Amino acid sequence: AGDEALRLLRHAVAGLDVGVLVNNAGLAKPCAVYLHEADVEAWVRMIRVNLWALTEVTAAVLPGMLERGRGAIVNIGSGTTLTIPSFPLFSIYAASKRYVAQLSRSLHVEYRARGIDVQCQVPLFVETNMTLGATASRKRRSFLSRLIMPTSDEYARAAVCWIGHGPLCMPNLGHRLEWCICHVVPDWMLDELCLRLNLWHRVRFQRLRTMRASRPNVINNGCMPCKQV
């Protein structure tokens, strides 16, 4: 809603002692589509949440933190912007999360001398209702599966421990192991792998959309991993 929304937000937080801000909201829909196929409004909604809202909320709490001389801002980005060179069929999502990383790094430099720590955390897949297998029992999953896809509680515990430790971090151990593996794989190979994987996801989403169109009362409780946290 533009300047008016920001004014109302600033008014709402004016009397609050906000010590820590966590910008965790994010959209990844439409998932696994070519840019020319999706409705423009869908991209706009994603950008509004992933870029605009995050920036507005951060701008709203900063004056109070500056006045008190302390505070921490944690922005949740995406490991896709750090571990792999591209994320085809999720292009706008990946680009929006790269914005989060760059904004966080710049704000970290701007405000660290004034007692405010700004950090971008870049998780890979976390077990939520939006990730594949979220409804499966944890007991049925292998040790490796649990390592690379922690529950939201497991990720949160690790994330808290990393606040204040640099402008960019990947708190989960399993995610860092994946990062190391991707680091030694050639970019062209990662590009091809991601394209093939996301094309497979594209087929799944098309089937899901067809099912929803034919059965509007069906509720989907398990989507593929289009959002990390």
Protein backbone atom coordinates (compact mmCIF):
# COMPACT_ATOMS: atom_id res chain seq x y z
CA ALA A 1 0.00 0.00 0.00
CA GLY A 2 2.99 2.33 -0.38
CA ASP A 3 3.96 5.18 1.94
CA GLU A 4 0.75 5.02 4.00
CA ALA A 5 1.41 1.43 5.03
CA LEU A 6 4.94 2.31 6.10
CA ARG A 7 3.66 5.29 8.09
CA LEU A 8 1.15 3.10 9.93
CA LEU A 9 3.79 0.47 10.61
CA ARG A 10 6.20 3.02 12.05
CA HIS A 11 3.44 4.37 14.25
CA ALA A 12 2.65 0.87 15.51
CA VAL A 13 6.24 0.11 16.55
CA ALA A 14 7.08 3.59 17.82
CA GLY A 15 6.42 2.69 21.46
CA LEU A 16 7.90 -0.80 21.32
CA ASP A 17 11.40 -1.77 22.42
CA VAL A 18 12.14 -4.04 19.48
CA GLY A 19 15.35 -5.86 20.30
CA VAL A 20 15.32 -8.49 17.54
CA LEU A 21 13.55 -8.42 14.19
CA VAL A 22 13.27 -11.65 12.19
CA ASN A 23 12.10 -11.17 8.61
CA ASN A 24 10.99 -14.73 7.88
CA ALA A 25 7.94 -14.25 5.64
CA GLY A 26 8.44 -15.31 2.04
CA LEU A 27 6.65 -16.52 -1.07
CA ALA A 28 7.85 -18.91 -3.77
CA LYS A 29 4.64 -19.25 -5.78
CA PRO A 30 4.13 -19.71 -8.65
CA CYS A 31 6.50 -22.66 -8.35
CA ALA A 32 8.50 -24.29 -11.15
CA VAL A 33 7.30 -22.25 -14.09
CA TYR A 34 8.91 -20.39 -16.96
CA LEU A 35 8.84 -16.63 -16.60
CA HIS A 36 6.54 -16.08 -19.58
CA GLU A 37 3.95 -18.57 -18.31
CA ALA A 38 3.02 -17.03 -14.96
CA ASP A 39 0.59 -14.22 -14.41
CA VAL A 40 2.36 -10.92 -13.83
CA GLU A 41 0.37 -10.35 -10.64
CA ALA A 42 1.85 -13.55 -9.20
CA TRP A 43 5.38 -12.21 -9.65
CA VAL A 44 4.34 -8.86 -8.21
CA ARG A 45 2.91 -10.55 -5.09
CA MET A 46 6.16 -12.44 -4.60
CA ILE A 47 8.26 -9.30 -4.97
CA ARG A 48 6.01 -7.39 -2.57
CA VAL A 49 6.53 -9.98 0.16
CA ASN A 50 10.14 -11.01 -0.44
CA LEU A 51 11.56 -7.54 -1.16
CA TRP A 52 9.17 -4.72 -0.40
CA ALA A 53 7.72 -5.91 2.90
CA LEU A 54 11.10 -6.97 4.28
CA THR A 55 12.59 -3.58 3.44
CA GLU A 56 9.64 -1.66 4.89
CA VAL A 57 9.60 -3.54 8.19
CA THR A 58 13.37 -3.17 8.54
CA ALA A 59 13.13 0.57 7.90
CA ALA A 60 10.36 0.83 10.49
CA VAL A 61 12.32 -0.69 13.40
CA LEU A 62 15.70 0.86 12.64
CA PRO A 63 15.01 4.33 14.13
CA GLY A 64 14.16 2.82 17.53
CA MET A 65 17.22 0.57 17.47
CA LEU A 66 19.42 3.55 16.58
CA GLU A 67 17.97 5.57 19.44
CA ARG A 68 18.71 2.75 21.92
CA GLY A 69 22.04 1.90 20.35
CA ARG A 70 21.37 -1.81 20.12
CA GLY A 71 19.41 -4.41 18.17
CA ALA A 72 19.61 -7.33 15.78
CA ILE A 73 17.92 -7.85 12.43
CA VAL A 74 17.83 -11.36 10.96
CA ASN A 75 16.72 -11.68 7.36
CA ILE A 76 15.94 -15.18 6.07
CA GLY A 77 17.33 -15.57 2.58
CA SER A 78 17.85 -18.78 0.65
CA GLY A 79 20.71 -21.21 0.24
CA THR A 80 19.89 -21.30 -3.47
CA THR A 81 21.60 -17.91 -3.82
CA LEU A 82 24.81 -19.20 -2.23
CA THR A 83 25.27 -22.88 -3.02
CA ILE A 84 24.26 -23.00 -6.69
CA PRO A 85 24.89 -20.65 -9.64
CA SER A 86 21.26 -20.62 -10.83
CA PHE A 87 17.80 -21.82 -9.86
CA PRO A 88 15.88 -22.24 -13.15
CA LEU A 89 12.06 -22.15 -13.12
CA PHE A 90 12.28 -20.34 -9.76
CA SER A 91 14.10 -17.35 -11.25
CA ILE A 92 12.19 -14.53 -9.56
CA TYR A 93 12.28 -16.29 -6.19
CA ALA A 94 16.04 -16.81 -6.38
CA ALA A 95 16.60 -13.23 -7.53
CA SER A 96 14.46 -11.86 -4.69
CA LYS A 97 16.47 -13.84 -2.14
CA ARG A 98 19.74 -12.55 -3.60
CA TYR A 99 18.39 -9.06 -2.94
CA VAL A 100 17.92 -10.04 0.70
CA ALA A 101 21.55 -11.18 0.97
CA GLN A 102 22.93 -8.02 -0.65
CA LEU A 103 20.71 -5.71 1.39
CA SER A 104 21.68 -7.45 4.62
CA ARG A 105 25.39 -7.25 3.86
CA SER A 106 25.21 -3.54 3.09
CA LEU A 107 23.12 -2.76 6.19
CA HIS A 108 25.54 -4.79 8.32
CA VAL A 109 28.37 -2.49 7.20
CA GLU A 110 26.24 0.63 7.68
CA TYR A 111 25.00 -0.06 11.21
CA ARG A 112 27.47 -2.40 12.97
CA ALA A 113 29.39 0.55 14.46
CA ARG A 114 26.13 1.82 15.97
CA GLY A 115 25.33 -1.33 17.91
CA ILE A 116 22.96 -2.96 15.40
CA ASP A 117 23.77 -6.33 13.92
CA VAL A 118 22.20 -7.19 10.56
CA GLN A 119 22.49 -10.74 9.32
CA CYS A 120 21.19 -12.81 6.43
CA GLN A 121 20.68 -16.52 7.10
CA VAL A 122 20.59 -18.73 4.02
CA PRO A 123 19.02 -22.12 4.80
CA LEU A 124 18.43 -24.88 2.32
CA PHE A 125 15.37 -27.13 2.74
CA VAL A 126 13.69 -27.15 6.16
CA GLU A 127 10.85 -29.53 6.99
CA THR A 128 7.67 -27.48 6.83
CA ASN A 129 4.24 -27.94 5.26
CA MET A 130 5.69 -26.51 2.05
CA THR A 131 8.47 -29.06 1.67
CA LEU A 132 8.28 -32.48 0.14
CA GLY A 133 7.76 -35.21 2.72
CA ALA A 134 6.63 -32.81 5.43
CA THR A 135 3.72 -35.06 6.33
CA ALA A 136 5.88 -38.19 6.56
CA SER A 137 6.92 -39.50 9.93
CA ARG A 138 10.36 -38.43 11.09
CA LYS A 139 10.95 -42.01 12.26
CA ARG A 140 10.75 -43.23 8.67
CA ARG A 141 13.40 -40.85 7.42
CA SER A 142 17.06 -41.78 7.20
CA PHE A 143 19.76 -40.09 9.23
CA LEU A 144 21.02 -38.31 6.11
CA SER A 145 17.53 -37.07 5.28
CA ARG A 146 17.09 -35.66 8.78
CA LEU A 147 20.54 -34.07 8.60
CA ILE A 148 19.94 -32.16 5.36
CA MET A 149 16.29 -31.32 6.07
CA PRO A 150 15.91 -30.34 9.74
CA THR A 151 12.58 -29.60 11.35
CA SER A 152 11.66 -25.95 11.84
CA ASP A 153 12.39 -26.27 15.58
CA GLU A 154 15.82 -27.78 14.91
CA TYR A 155 16.64 -25.04 12.47
CA ALA A 156 15.42 -22.32 14.85
CA ARG A 157 17.65 -23.60 17.66
CA ALA A 158 20.69 -23.49 15.38
CA ALA A 159 19.68 -20.12 13.93
CA VAL A 160 19.51 -18.41 17.32
CA CYS A 161 23.07 -19.48 18.11
CA TRP A 162 24.35 -17.79 14.96
CA ILE A 163 22.82 -14.36 15.51
CA GLY A 164 25.62 -11.82 15.75
CA HIS A 165 28.18 -13.98 13.96
CA GLY A 166 28.71 -12.24 10.65
CA PRO A 167 26.52 -10.75 7.92
CA LEU A 168 25.89 -14.07 6.15
CA CYS A 169 25.57 -17.55 7.62
CA MET A 170 24.14 -21.03 7.09
CA PRO A 171 23.31 -22.25 10.63
CA ASN A 172 22.43 -25.89 9.95
CA LEU A 173 25.36 -28.34 9.79
CA GLY A 174 23.73 -30.51 7.12
CA HIS A 175 23.15 -27.48 4.93
CA ARG A 176 26.81 -26.49 5.24
CA LEU A 177 27.86 -29.97 4.15
CA GLU A 178 25.67 -29.61 1.06
CA TRP A 179 27.25 -26.22 0.43
CA CYS A 180 30.73 -27.75 0.54
CA ILE A 181 29.74 -30.46 -1.94
CA CYS A 182 28.23 -27.94 -4.35
CA HIS A 183 31.36 -25.82 -4.09
CA VAL A 184 33.48 -28.49 -5.80
CA VAL A 185 30.95 -29.35 -8.52
CA PRO A 186 31.31 -27.39 -11.81
CA ASP A 187 28.71 -24.68 -12.38
CA TRP A 188 27.53 -26.17 -15.67
CA MET A 189 26.81 -29.45 -13.94
CA LEU A 190 24.85 -27.74 -11.16
CA ASP A 191 22.90 -25.74 -13.75
CA GLU A 192 21.93 -28.90 -15.61
CA LEU A 193 21.06 -30.78 -12.41
CA CYS A 194 18.85 -27.96 -11.11
CA LEU A 195 17.11 -27.61 -14.47
CA ARG A 196 16.32 -31.33 -14.65
CA LEU A 197 15.15 -31.45 -11.03
CA ASN A 198 12.92 -28.41 -11.38
CA LEU A 199 11.47 -29.67 -14.65
CA TRP A 200 10.44 -32.78 -12.72
CA HIS A 201 8.90 -30.54 -10.07
CA ARG A 202 7.14 -28.65 -12.87
CA VAL A 203 5.39 -31.85 -13.95
CA ARG A 204 4.28 -32.51 -10.37
CA PHE A 205 2.89 -29.00 -10.01
CA GLN A 206 1.01 -29.24 -13.28
CA ARG A 207 -0.65 -32.42 -12.06
CA LEU A 208 -1.48 -30.77 -8.76
CA ARG A 209 -3.01 -27.75 -10.47
CA THR A 210 -5.08 -30.01 -12.70
CA MET A 211 -6.30 -31.93 -9.67
CA ARG A 212 -7.21 -28.74 -7.85
CA ALA A 213 -9.08 -27.44 -10.86
CA SER A 214 -11.13 -30.62 -11.10
CA ARG A 215 -11.61 -31.02 -7.34
CA PRO A 216 -11.72 -27.55 -5.78
CA ASN A 217 -12.38 -28.90 -2.29
CA VAL A 218 -9.12 -30.87 -2.12
CA ILE A 219 -6.68 -29.39 0.42
CA ASN A 220 -2.97 -29.79 -0.32
CA ASN A 221 -0.91 -30.30 2.82
CA GLY A 222 2.32 -31.32 1.18
CA CYS A 223 3.94 -29.20 -1.48
CA MET A 224 7.39 -29.57 -2.93
CA PRO A 225 10.13 -27.47 -1.42
CA CYS A 226 9.29 -24.02 -2.67
CA LYS A 227 10.11 -22.26 0.56
CA GLN A 228 12.90 -22.87 2.99
CA VAL A 229 11.62 -21.58 6.31
